[in-house]
Protein backbone atom coordinates (compact mmCIF):
# COMPACT_ATOMS: atom_id res chain seq x y z
CA MET A 1 101.92 98.88 118.98
CA ILE A 2 104.90 100.92 120.12
CA SER A 3 105.13 103.87 122.48
CA VAL A 4 106.45 107.16 121.07
CA ASN A 5 108.83 107.17 124.06
CA ASP A 6 110.67 104.29 122.32
CA PHE A 7 111.25 106.19 119.04
CA LYS A 8 114.63 105.64 117.37
CA THR A 9 115.99 107.11 114.17
CA GLY A 10 115.13 104.74 111.30
CA LEU A 11 112.11 103.18 113.07
CA THR A 12 109.14 102.58 110.73
CA ILE A 13 105.64 103.34 112.04
CA GLU A 14 102.04 103.38 110.81
CA THR A 15 99.99 106.46 111.62
CA ASP A 16 97.39 108.60 109.81
CA GLY A 17 96.87 105.81 107.26
CA SER A 18 100.46 105.95 105.97
CA ILE A 19 103.85 104.38 106.58
CA TRP A 20 106.48 106.70 108.04
CA ARG A 21 110.18 106.41 108.89
CA VAL A 22 111.44 108.41 111.89
CA VAL A 23 114.11 110.80 110.59
CA ASP A 24 114.59 112.76 113.81
CA PHE A 25 112.92 113.02 117.20
CA GLN A 26 113.23 114.96 120.43
CA HIS A 27 111.73 114.34 123.86
CA VAL A 28 110.49 117.62 125.34
CA LYS A 29 109.63 118.13 129.01
CA PRO A 30 108.37 121.69 129.41
CA GLY A 31 108.35 123.30 132.83
CA LYS A 32 104.60 123.59 132.67
CA GLY A 33 102.32 121.04 131.04
CA ALA A 34 102.71 117.47 129.88
CA ALA A 35 105.79 116.02 128.19
CA PHE A 36 105.67 115.35 124.44
CA VAL A 37 107.75 113.96 121.58
CA ARG A 38 108.50 116.22 118.61
CA SER A 39 109.37 114.14 115.55
CA LYS A 40 110.31 114.51 111.91
CA LEU A 41 108.83 111.72 109.77
CA ARG A 42 109.38 110.72 106.12
CA ASN A 43 106.41 109.25 104.25
CA LEU A 44 107.75 106.10 102.57
CA ARG A 45 105.15 106.24 99.78
CA SER A 46 105.53 109.89 98.73
CA GLY A 47 108.92 110.82 100.22
CA ALA A 48 107.41 113.91 101.89
CA ILE A 49 108.80 114.96 105.27
CA GLN A 50 106.38 116.06 107.97
CA GLU A 51 106.91 117.29 111.51
CA LYS A 52 104.51 115.72 113.99
CA THR A 53 104.11 116.07 117.74
CA PHE A 54 102.91 113.16 119.92
CA ARG A 55 101.89 113.17 123.59
CA ALA A 56 104.35 111.27 125.79
CA GLY A 57 103.29 107.63 126.09
CA GLU A 58 101.03 107.73 123.01
CA LYS A 59 100.93 104.45 121.05
CA VAL A 60 101.43 104.10 117.29
CA GLY A 61 101.54 101.01 115.06
CA LYS A 62 104.91 99.54 114.15
CA ALA A 63 105.18 98.78 110.42
CA GLN A 64 106.87 95.50 109.43
CA ILE A 65 109.14 96.52 106.57
CA ASP A 66 110.84 93.89 104.41
CA ASN A 67 114.30 94.96 103.20
CA ARG A 68 115.45 92.89 100.21
CA LYS A 69 118.93 93.04 98.69
CA MET A 70 118.62 93.57 94.96
CA GLN A 71 120.75 94.53 92.00
CA TYR A 72 119.89 97.41 89.65
CA LEU A 73 119.85 95.94 86.15
CA TYR A 74 118.78 98.57 83.61
CA ALA A 75 116.43 101.40 82.70
CA ASP A 76 113.69 100.79 80.15
CA GLY A 77 112.18 104.16 79.35
CA SER A 78 110.72 105.49 82.59
CA SER A 79 110.84 102.14 84.41
CA HIS A 80 113.87 100.75 86.20
CA VAL A 81 114.40 97.02 86.74
CA PHE A 82 115.86 95.47 89.91
CA MET A 83 116.62 91.76 90.46
CA ASP A 84 116.63 89.83 93.75
CA ASN A 85 120.11 88.30 94.14
CA ASN A 86 118.75 85.08 95.71
CA THR A 87 115.47 84.30 93.93
CA TYR A 88 116.10 86.16 90.63
CA ASP A 89 112.65 87.81 90.94
CA GLN A 90 112.48 91.15 89.17
CA VAL A 91 110.83 94.36 90.39
CA GLU A 92 110.08 97.43 88.27
CA LEU A 93 110.01 100.95 89.73
CA GLN A 94 109.01 104.12 87.90
CA SER A 95 111.32 107.15 87.58
CA ASP A 96 109.01 109.29 89.75
CA GLN A 97 109.56 106.83 92.66
CA LEU A 98 113.35 107.20 92.29
CA GLU A 99 113.88 110.94 91.77
CA HIS A 100 116.71 111.31 94.34
CA GLU A 101 118.17 107.82 93.85
CA LEU A 102 118.57 108.13 90.05
CA GLN A 103 121.40 110.62 90.62
CA PHE A 104 123.49 107.78 92.09
CA LEU A 105 122.24 104.54 90.48
CA GLN A 106 124.54 102.66 88.13
CA GLU A 107 123.92 99.36 86.36
CA ASN A 108 124.82 96.27 88.44
CA MET A 109 124.79 98.31 91.70
CA ASN A 110 123.53 96.45 94.78
CA VAL A 111 120.80 98.31 96.71
CA THR A 112 118.13 97.53 99.31
CA ILE A 113 114.50 97.54 98.15
CA ILE A 114 112.02 98.57 100.86
CA MET A 115 108.77 96.55 100.73
CA TYR A 116 105.61 96.62 102.86
CA GLU A 117 103.04 93.82 102.49
CA GLY A 118 104.16 93.12 98.91
CA GLU A 119 104.13 96.83 97.93
CA THR A 120 107.48 98.26 96.81
CA LEU A 121 107.99 101.57 98.61
CA GLY A 122 111.43 102.60 97.41
CA VAL A 123 115.17 102.09 97.26
CA GLN A 124 117.74 102.50 100.00
CA LEU A 125 121.15 103.33 98.58
CA PRO A 126 124.52 102.55 100.18
CA LYS A 127 125.89 105.45 102.30
CA THR A 128 128.52 106.21 99.66
CA VAL A 129 128.98 105.42 95.96
CA GLU A 130 131.92 105.78 93.59
CA LEU A 131 131.22 107.86 90.47
CA LYS A 132 133.50 109.04 87.67
CA VAL A 133 133.88 112.73 86.79
CA THR A 134 132.80 113.27 83.16
CA GLU A 135 133.15 117.04 83.01
CA SER A 136 135.15 119.50 85.12
CA GLU A 137 136.89 122.82 84.54
CA PRO A 138 140.63 122.83 85.20
CA GLY A 139 141.60 124.09 88.67
CA ILE A 140 142.57 127.77 88.86
CA LYS A 141 145.60 128.55 90.99
CA GLY A 142 145.37 131.49 93.30
CA ASP A 143 143.59 132.29 96.54
CA THR A 144 142.84 128.79 97.85
CA ALA A 145 143.24 129.49 101.56
CA THR A 146 139.46 129.22 102.01
CA GLY A 147 139.08 125.72 100.51
CA ALA A 148 137.91 126.81 97.07
CA THR A 149 135.63 124.51 95.07
CA LYS A 150 134.41 124.13 91.52
CA GLU A 151 131.54 122.31 89.79
CA ALA A 152 131.97 118.81 88.40
CA THR A 153 129.49 116.66 86.47
CA LEU A 154 129.48 112.95 87.26
CA GLU A 155 128.66 109.97 85.02
CA THR A 156 125.05 109.84 86.27
CA GLY A 157 124.47 113.51 85.39
CA LEU A 158 124.74 114.74 88.99
CA THR A 159 126.52 118.10 89.40
CA ILE A 160 128.35 118.69 92.69
CA GLN A 161 130.95 121.00 94.24
CA VAL A 162 134.44 119.46 94.43
CA PRO A 163 137.92 120.70 95.47
CA LEU A 164 140.07 122.34 92.78
CA PHE A 165 142.46 119.35 92.50
CA VAL A 166 139.72 117.06 91.09
CA ASN A 167 140.10 116.49 87.33
CA GLN A 168 138.03 114.95 84.55
CA GLY A 169 138.29 111.14 84.68
CA ASP A 170 138.82 110.96 88.47
CA VAL A 171 136.66 108.54 90.44
CA LEU A 172 135.09 110.16 93.52
CA VAL A 173 133.38 108.84 96.64
CA ILE A 174 129.99 110.60 96.98
CA ASN A 175 127.71 110.68 100.05
CA THR A 176 124.24 109.59 98.83
CA ASP A 177 122.30 111.32 101.62
CA GLU A 178 123.59 114.82 100.87
CA GLY A 179 124.90 114.34 97.32
CA ALA A 180 128.25 115.72 98.46
CA TYR A 181 131.90 114.99 97.69
CA VAL A 182 133.66 112.84 100.33
CA SER A 183 137.03 111.94 98.80
CA ARG A 184 138.81 110.55 95.76
CA ALA A 185 138.54 106.79 95.35
């Protein structure tokens, strides 16, 4: 058991019959009444985010999560196959479990598979990935004092806003949390 006073971003807990990862938290000490912890939690099974308030000092279960380094091999219809780099065990995940991650996954990419008591909960991507621009309009010269952007489609099918100087064929560094342009590779 762990006290909610010890919450940290990224901590995994068990409450309400589910496994949650702490996305954000705030300790609140109102002038009148008892202190409490306001938290934002992500359900690791469904991906849903929920805001939950705990009384200060309340205890919740700490979930033992197993993070395994694996390599994304290939897609076979709606299932996606990952291989453990050490044991060569393979794990299959369905497309509906990887909705956000599919925008960034490429064959042979190394990722972290999140497991809980033998159950595969999801995939944790690297903070940034390098993707090639497959389609982009040419940059239009003119009023660029405001940091003008244009749309670009990447090799995984993801469409993002990029600066005007980015051209088709460029390799870009993309932030996987926000799906946003970071820089050219």
